[in-house]
Amino acid sequence: MSEALADLPPLRESLAAHGLLAKKAFGQHFLLDLNITRKIARLAGVAAGDRVIEIGPGPGGLTRALLETGARVTAVEKDERFRPLLEELGVACPALDLVFGDALEVNEAAIAEGAPAHLVSNLPYNVGTALLIKWLTGPWTPASLTLMFQREVADRITAAPGDEAYGRLAVLVQATASAHRVMDVPARAFTPPPKVDSAVVRLAPREDRLAPERLRALEQATAAAFGQRRKMLRSSLKPLGGEALAVAAGLDPQARAETVDLAGFLRLADQLAGRGA
């Protein structure tokens, strides 16, 4: 760690000096405990020289921990209020690059400049799921993703068939990546504390990426099946072929979506994409 980085004032002092408070409209909850942010950086497996993209750094708590590893960090922040504070951090550590803009519209491939890049973020609550789907189904593939979500969302990402939280998000995520919950973070760790606890999920994109047409078919199948999740497949899949589609995919038409595993949904997708036997 550089001396300049070590000499920075505590995050609470920096926030107070700039008169900054979390903005509810942006789903902001600051993580100021460097013990927690350092643990997240360790769980991400980030090492010196690695390229990291962080979304929503806010006051820079996780950013500091990532920079301490010797990684090259690009922080993407939508809230211009944090520009002076983050620029101070950039002066202390030139390995930090700043991009001010909407993460949903950012071109990560351009940021990474063709090199492998890890995504490590305490995601804003209001866009976390949308960003995850963007990263797992879009044209650019991250080297890894270590992301903090509301615990309910983390449960939905890692759920198995039959679990109460199992649904469309679990299927889409697990079709494109391996996902493991690696750390729980209580609400009291944040400033201000949210109403729910959070959890960190570590994801590794699958090397055998789904072809675009197969992914589109999977999105179509899961949207129909879970759109009416309490109905049997013969009813929920009716717009796509109903009972005949379920049987062709080797599924019981009287089963419900919450009991169908990833392999079953991939067979449904293959039937829709015209790849079935």
Protein backbone atom coordinates (compact mmCIF):
# COMPACT_ATOMS: atom_id res chain seq x y z
CA MET A 1 0.00 0.00 0.00
CA SER A 2 1.29 3.45 -0.88
CA GLU A 3 2.06 5.87 1.96
CA ALA A 4 -0.33 8.40 0.44
CA LEU A 5 -3.14 5.84 0.55
CA ALA A 6 -2.34 4.93 4.15
CA ASP A 7 -2.30 8.61 5.13
CA LEU A 8 -5.84 9.30 3.92
CA PRO A 9 -8.29 10.39 6.64
CA PRO A 10 -10.95 7.91 7.84
CA LEU A 11 -13.94 7.64 5.54
CA ARG A 12 -16.33 9.20 8.04
CA GLU A 13 -14.08 12.27 8.24
CA SER A 14 -13.92 12.52 4.44
CA LEU A 15 -17.73 12.30 4.18
CA ALA A 16 -18.16 14.96 6.87
CA ALA A 17 -15.59 17.24 5.25
CA HIS A 18 -17.53 17.14 1.98
CA GLY A 19 -20.96 17.24 3.61
CA LEU A 20 -22.02 14.00 1.94
CA LEU A 21 -24.95 11.80 2.93
CA ALA A 22 -26.34 8.68 1.25
CA LYS A 23 -29.02 9.43 -1.35
CA LYS A 24 -32.08 7.18 -1.12
CA ALA A 25 -32.98 7.71 -4.79
CA PHE A 26 -29.70 6.02 -5.79
CA GLY A 27 -30.13 3.12 -3.36
CA GLN A 28 -26.98 4.18 -1.51
CA HIS A 29 -25.79 2.55 1.73
CA PHE A 30 -22.15 3.25 2.56
CA LEU A 31 -19.81 0.50 3.71
CA LEU A 32 -17.22 2.33 5.81
CA ASP A 33 -15.70 -0.55 7.80
CA LEU A 34 -12.33 -1.26 6.16
CA ASN A 35 -12.15 -4.67 7.85
CA ILE A 36 -15.24 -5.70 5.90
CA THR A 37 -14.15 -4.13 2.61
CA ARG A 38 -10.72 -5.76 2.90
CA LYS A 39 -12.39 -9.13 3.43
CA ILE A 40 -14.46 -8.59 0.28
CA ALA A 41 -11.29 -7.78 -1.67
CA ARG A 42 -9.72 -11.01 -0.36
CA LEU A 43 -12.79 -13.06 -1.28
CA ALA A 44 -12.60 -11.56 -4.78
CA GLY A 45 -9.10 -12.98 -5.15
CA VAL A 46 -7.81 -9.66 -6.47
CA ALA A 47 -4.02 -9.43 -6.71
CA ALA A 48 -1.42 -6.82 -7.65
CA GLY A 49 -1.66 -5.89 -11.30
CA ASP A 50 -5.21 -7.20 -11.77
CA ARG A 51 -7.73 -4.99 -13.51
CA VAL A 52 -10.88 -4.36 -11.47
CA ILE A 53 -14.11 -2.56 -12.32
CA GLU A 54 -16.11 -1.27 -9.35
CA ILE A 55 -19.66 0.04 -9.71
CA GLY A 56 -21.02 2.63 -7.30
CA PRO A 57 -17.95 3.33 -5.15
CA GLY A 58 -19.67 6.16 -3.28
CA PRO A 59 -17.15 7.47 -0.74
CA GLY A 60 -14.63 4.81 -1.76
CA GLY A 61 -14.53 2.33 1.14
CA LEU A 62 -14.30 -0.76 -1.04
CA THR A 63 -12.19 1.21 -3.53
CA ARG A 64 -9.53 1.78 -0.89
CA ALA A 65 -9.45 -1.94 -0.04
CA LEU A 66 -9.11 -2.88 -3.71
CA LEU A 67 -6.32 -0.36 -4.26
CA GLU A 68 -4.46 -1.76 -1.25
CA THR A 69 -4.10 -5.06 -3.15
CA GLY A 70 -2.11 -3.31 -5.90
CA ALA A 71 -4.90 -3.76 -8.47
CA ARG A 72 -5.70 -1.24 -11.20
CA VAL A 73 -9.22 -0.05 -10.38
CA THR A 74 -11.75 1.72 -12.57
CA ALA A 75 -14.59 3.05 -10.43
CA VAL A 76 -17.88 3.92 -12.14
CA GLU A 77 -19.99 6.42 -10.19
CA LYS A 78 -23.29 8.01 -11.22
CA ASP A 79 -23.48 10.50 -8.35
CA GLU A 80 -21.38 13.57 -9.18
CA ARG A 81 -21.40 14.61 -5.53
CA PHE A 82 -18.61 12.10 -4.94
CA ARG A 83 -16.30 13.48 -7.61
CA PRO A 84 -14.14 15.64 -5.29
CA LEU A 85 -13.75 12.88 -2.70
CA LEU A 86 -12.93 10.19 -5.30
CA GLU A 87 -10.53 12.51 -7.12
CA GLU A 88 -8.67 12.97 -3.83
CA LEU A 89 -8.38 9.19 -3.64
CA GLY A 90 -7.10 9.15 -7.23
CA VAL A 91 -4.38 11.68 -6.35
CA ALA A 92 -3.30 9.47 -3.45
CA CYS A 93 -3.28 6.37 -5.65
CA PRO A 94 -2.74 6.81 -9.42
CA ALA A 95 -3.89 3.20 -9.98
CA LEU A 96 -7.46 4.53 -9.71
CA ASP A 97 -9.36 5.62 -12.82
CA LEU A 98 -12.73 7.32 -12.52
CA VAL A 99 -15.71 7.13 -14.85
CA PHE A 100 -18.76 9.22 -14.06
CA GLY A 101 -21.92 7.87 -15.65
CA ASP A 102 -24.71 5.29 -15.50
CA ALA A 103 -23.36 1.75 -15.02
CA LEU A 104 -26.23 0.34 -17.09
CA GLU A 105 -24.86 2.25 -20.09
CA VAL A 106 -21.12 1.82 -19.48
CA ASN A 107 -19.01 -0.11 -22.00
CA GLU A 108 -17.02 -2.45 -19.78
CA ALA A 109 -15.11 -3.91 -22.72
CA ALA A 110 -13.72 -0.46 -23.51
CA ILE A 111 -12.75 0.07 -19.86
CA ALA A 112 -10.97 -3.29 -19.75
CA GLU A 113 -9.13 -2.53 -23.03
CA GLY A 114 -9.13 -6.18 -24.03
CA ALA A 115 -7.63 -7.41 -20.75
CA PRO A 116 -9.41 -9.72 -18.27
CA ALA A 117 -11.22 -7.65 -15.66
CA HIS A 118 -12.85 -8.56 -12.36
CA LEU A 119 -16.07 -6.93 -11.19
CA VAL A 120 -16.10 -6.18 -7.45
CA SER A 121 -18.89 -4.00 -6.11
CA ASN A 122 -21.22 -3.14 -3.28
CA LEU A 123 -24.02 -2.68 -5.79
CA PRO A 124 -26.68 0.02 -5.44
CA TYR A 125 -29.81 -1.81 -4.33
CA ASN A 126 -32.02 -0.44 -7.07
CA VAL A 127 -29.97 -1.67 -10.06
CA GLY A 128 -28.08 -4.70 -8.76
CA THR A 129 -30.15 -7.38 -10.50
CA ALA A 130 -30.27 -5.50 -13.82
CA LEU A 131 -26.48 -5.07 -13.78
CA LEU A 132 -25.90 -8.75 -13.00
CA ILE A 133 -28.03 -9.86 -15.95
CA LYS A 134 -26.22 -7.35 -18.18
CA TRP A 135 -22.83 -8.76 -17.22
CA LEU A 136 -23.80 -12.42 -17.53
CA THR A 137 -25.77 -12.21 -20.77
CA GLY A 138 -24.11 -9.31 -22.61
CA PRO A 139 -21.30 -9.39 -25.18
CA TRP A 140 -18.55 -8.70 -22.59
CA THR A 141 -17.59 -11.44 -20.13
CA PRO A 142 -15.91 -10.51 -16.83
CA ALA A 143 -13.14 -12.71 -15.42
CA SER A 144 -15.09 -12.99 -12.16
CA LEU A 145 -17.78 -11.17 -10.21
CA THR A 146 -17.77 -10.56 -6.46
CA LEU A 147 -20.89 -8.58 -5.71
CA MET A 148 -22.90 -7.51 -2.71
CA PHE A 149 -26.69 -7.71 -2.90
CA GLN A 150 -29.60 -7.55 -0.52
CA ARG A 151 -29.67 -10.97 1.14
CA GLU A 152 -33.02 -11.75 -0.46
CA VAL A 153 -31.50 -11.21 -3.91
CA ALA A 154 -28.45 -13.31 -2.99
CA ASP A 155 -30.85 -16.10 -1.97
CA ARG A 156 -32.63 -15.86 -5.31
CA ILE A 157 -29.33 -16.03 -7.21
CA THR A 158 -28.07 -19.17 -5.46
CA ALA A 159 -31.40 -21.01 -4.91
CA ALA A 160 -31.92 -24.62 -5.99
CA PRO A 161 -35.11 -26.21 -7.40
CA GLY A 162 -37.69 -26.58 -4.66
CA ASP A 163 -36.32 -23.67 -2.63
CA GLU A 164 -38.77 -20.89 -1.89
CA ALA A 165 -36.38 -18.39 -3.51
CA TYR A 166 -35.91 -20.46 -6.69
CA GLY A 167 -37.08 -18.63 -9.79
CA ARG A 168 -36.15 -17.08 -13.08
CA LEU A 169 -33.11 -15.23 -11.72
CA ALA A 170 -31.56 -18.45 -10.36
CA VAL A 171 -32.01 -20.23 -13.69
CA LEU A 172 -30.56 -17.41 -15.79
CA VAL A 173 -27.61 -16.88 -13.46
CA GLN A 174 -26.78 -20.56 -13.03
CA ALA A 175 -27.01 -21.13 -16.80
CA THR A 176 -24.27 -18.57 -17.32
CA ALA A 177 -22.11 -18.81 -14.17
CA SER A 178 -21.34 -20.76 -11.03
CA ALA A 179 -22.56 -18.77 -8.02
CA HIS A 180 -21.74 -19.11 -4.32
CA ARG A 181 -22.71 -16.98 -1.35
CA VAL A 182 -19.42 -16.28 0.41
CA MET A 183 -20.19 -13.69 3.09
CA ASP A 184 -23.12 -12.25 5.02
CA VAL A 185 -23.08 -8.57 5.99
CA PRO A 186 -25.54 -7.31 8.62
CA ALA A 187 -27.51 -4.13 8.04
CA ARG A 188 -25.75 -2.43 10.96
CA ALA A 189 -22.46 -2.51 9.01
CA PHE A 190 -23.81 0.17 6.64
CA THR A 191 -24.33 3.91 6.93
CA PRO A 192 -27.24 4.47 6.96
CA PRO A 193 -28.36 0.92 7.87
CA PRO A 194 -30.77 -0.51 5.28
CA LYS A 195 -33.88 -2.37 6.41
CA VAL A 196 -32.42 -5.73 5.34
CA ASP A 197 -29.15 -7.62 5.65
CA SER A 198 -26.84 -8.09 2.68
CA ALA A 199 -24.68 -10.89 1.29
CA VAL A 200 -21.69 -11.18 -1.02
CA VAL A 201 -21.95 -13.58 -3.96
CA ARG A 202 -18.92 -14.81 -5.91
CA LEU A 203 -19.64 -15.75 -9.53
CA ALA A 204 -17.43 -17.34 -12.16
CA PRO A 205 -18.78 -17.10 -15.74
CA ARG A 206 -19.01 -20.48 -17.47
CA GLU A 207 -16.50 -21.09 -20.22
CA ASP A 208 -19.15 -22.83 -22.35
CA ARG A 209 -21.26 -19.74 -22.89
CA LEU A 210 -24.75 -20.23 -24.24
CA ALA A 211 -25.22 -19.29 -27.87
CA PRO A 212 -27.28 -16.08 -28.19
CA GLU A 213 -30.30 -17.86 -29.69
CA ARG A 214 -30.25 -20.45 -26.89
CA LEU A 215 -30.02 -17.73 -24.25
CA ARG A 216 -32.94 -15.85 -25.80
CA ALA A 217 -34.99 -19.05 -25.77
CA LEU A 218 -34.08 -19.67 -22.14
CA GLU A 219 -35.18 -16.14 -21.23
CA GLN A 220 -38.46 -16.76 -23.07
CA ALA A 221 -39.07 -20.12 -21.39
CA THR A 222 -38.33 -18.89 -17.88
CA ALA A 223 -40.43 -15.75 -18.34
CA ALA A 224 -43.45 -17.87 -19.28
CA ALA A 225 -42.90 -20.62 -16.70
CA PHE A 226 -42.26 -18.35 -13.72
CA GLY A 227 -44.71 -15.68 -14.85
CA GLN A 228 -47.41 -18.03 -13.56
CA ARG A 229 -45.27 -20.12 -11.23
CA ARG A 230 -48.19 -21.65 -9.30
CA LYS A 231 -49.66 -23.09 -12.48
CA MET A 232 -48.65 -26.38 -14.07
CA LEU A 233 -46.29 -26.18 -17.03
CA ARG A 234 -49.05 -27.20 -19.44
CA SER A 235 -50.81 -23.95 -18.50
CA SER A 236 -47.91 -21.54 -17.89
CA LEU A 237 -46.19 -22.60 -21.13
CA LYS A 238 -49.40 -22.47 -23.16
CA PRO A 239 -48.30 -19.44 -25.26
CA LEU A 240 -45.15 -21.35 -26.25
CA GLY A 241 -46.64 -24.77 -26.89
CA GLY A 242 -47.99 -25.88 -23.54
CA GLU A 243 -48.13 -29.60 -22.84
CA ALA A 244 -46.56 -30.58 -26.17
CA LEU A 245 -43.52 -28.39 -25.46
CA ALA A 246 -43.09 -29.78 -21.94
CA VAL A 247 -43.32 -33.39 -23.17
CA ALA A 248 -40.86 -32.70 -26.01
CA ALA A 249 -38.41 -31.37 -23.40
CA GLY A 250 -38.85 -34.50 -21.27
CA LEU A 251 -40.76 -32.68 -18.54
CA ASP A 252 -43.95 -33.59 -16.72
CA PRO A 253 -46.61 -31.17 -18.01
CA GLN A 254 -48.22 -31.27 -14.56
CA ALA A 255 -45.01 -30.10 -12.85
CA ARG A 256 -44.57 -26.51 -11.73
CA ALA A 257 -41.70 -24.25 -12.70
CA GLU A 258 -40.25 -24.18 -9.18
CA THR A 259 -39.46 -27.92 -9.41
CA VAL A 260 -37.72 -27.84 -12.81
CA ASP A 261 -33.92 -27.86 -12.67
CA LEU A 262 -31.51 -26.01 -14.94
CA ALA A 263 -31.11 -29.00 -17.28
CA GLY A 264 -34.88 -29.12 -17.74
CA PHE A 265 -35.07 -25.44 -18.62
CA LEU A 266 -32.18 -25.81 -21.06
CA ARG A 267 -34.11 -28.62 -22.79
CA LEU A 268 -37.12 -26.31 -23.02
CA ALA A 269 -34.87 -23.63 -24.51
CA ASP A 270 -33.48 -26.10 -27.03
CA GLN A 271 -37.00 -27.03 -28.13
CA LEU A 272 -37.89 -23.37 -28.56
CA ALA A 273 -34.66 -22.67 -30.43
CA GLY A 274 -35.24 -25.62 -32.73
CA ARG A 275 -32.31 -27.60 -31.32
CA GLY A 276 -34.26 -30.39 -29.69
CA ALA A 277 -34.08 -33.98 -30.91
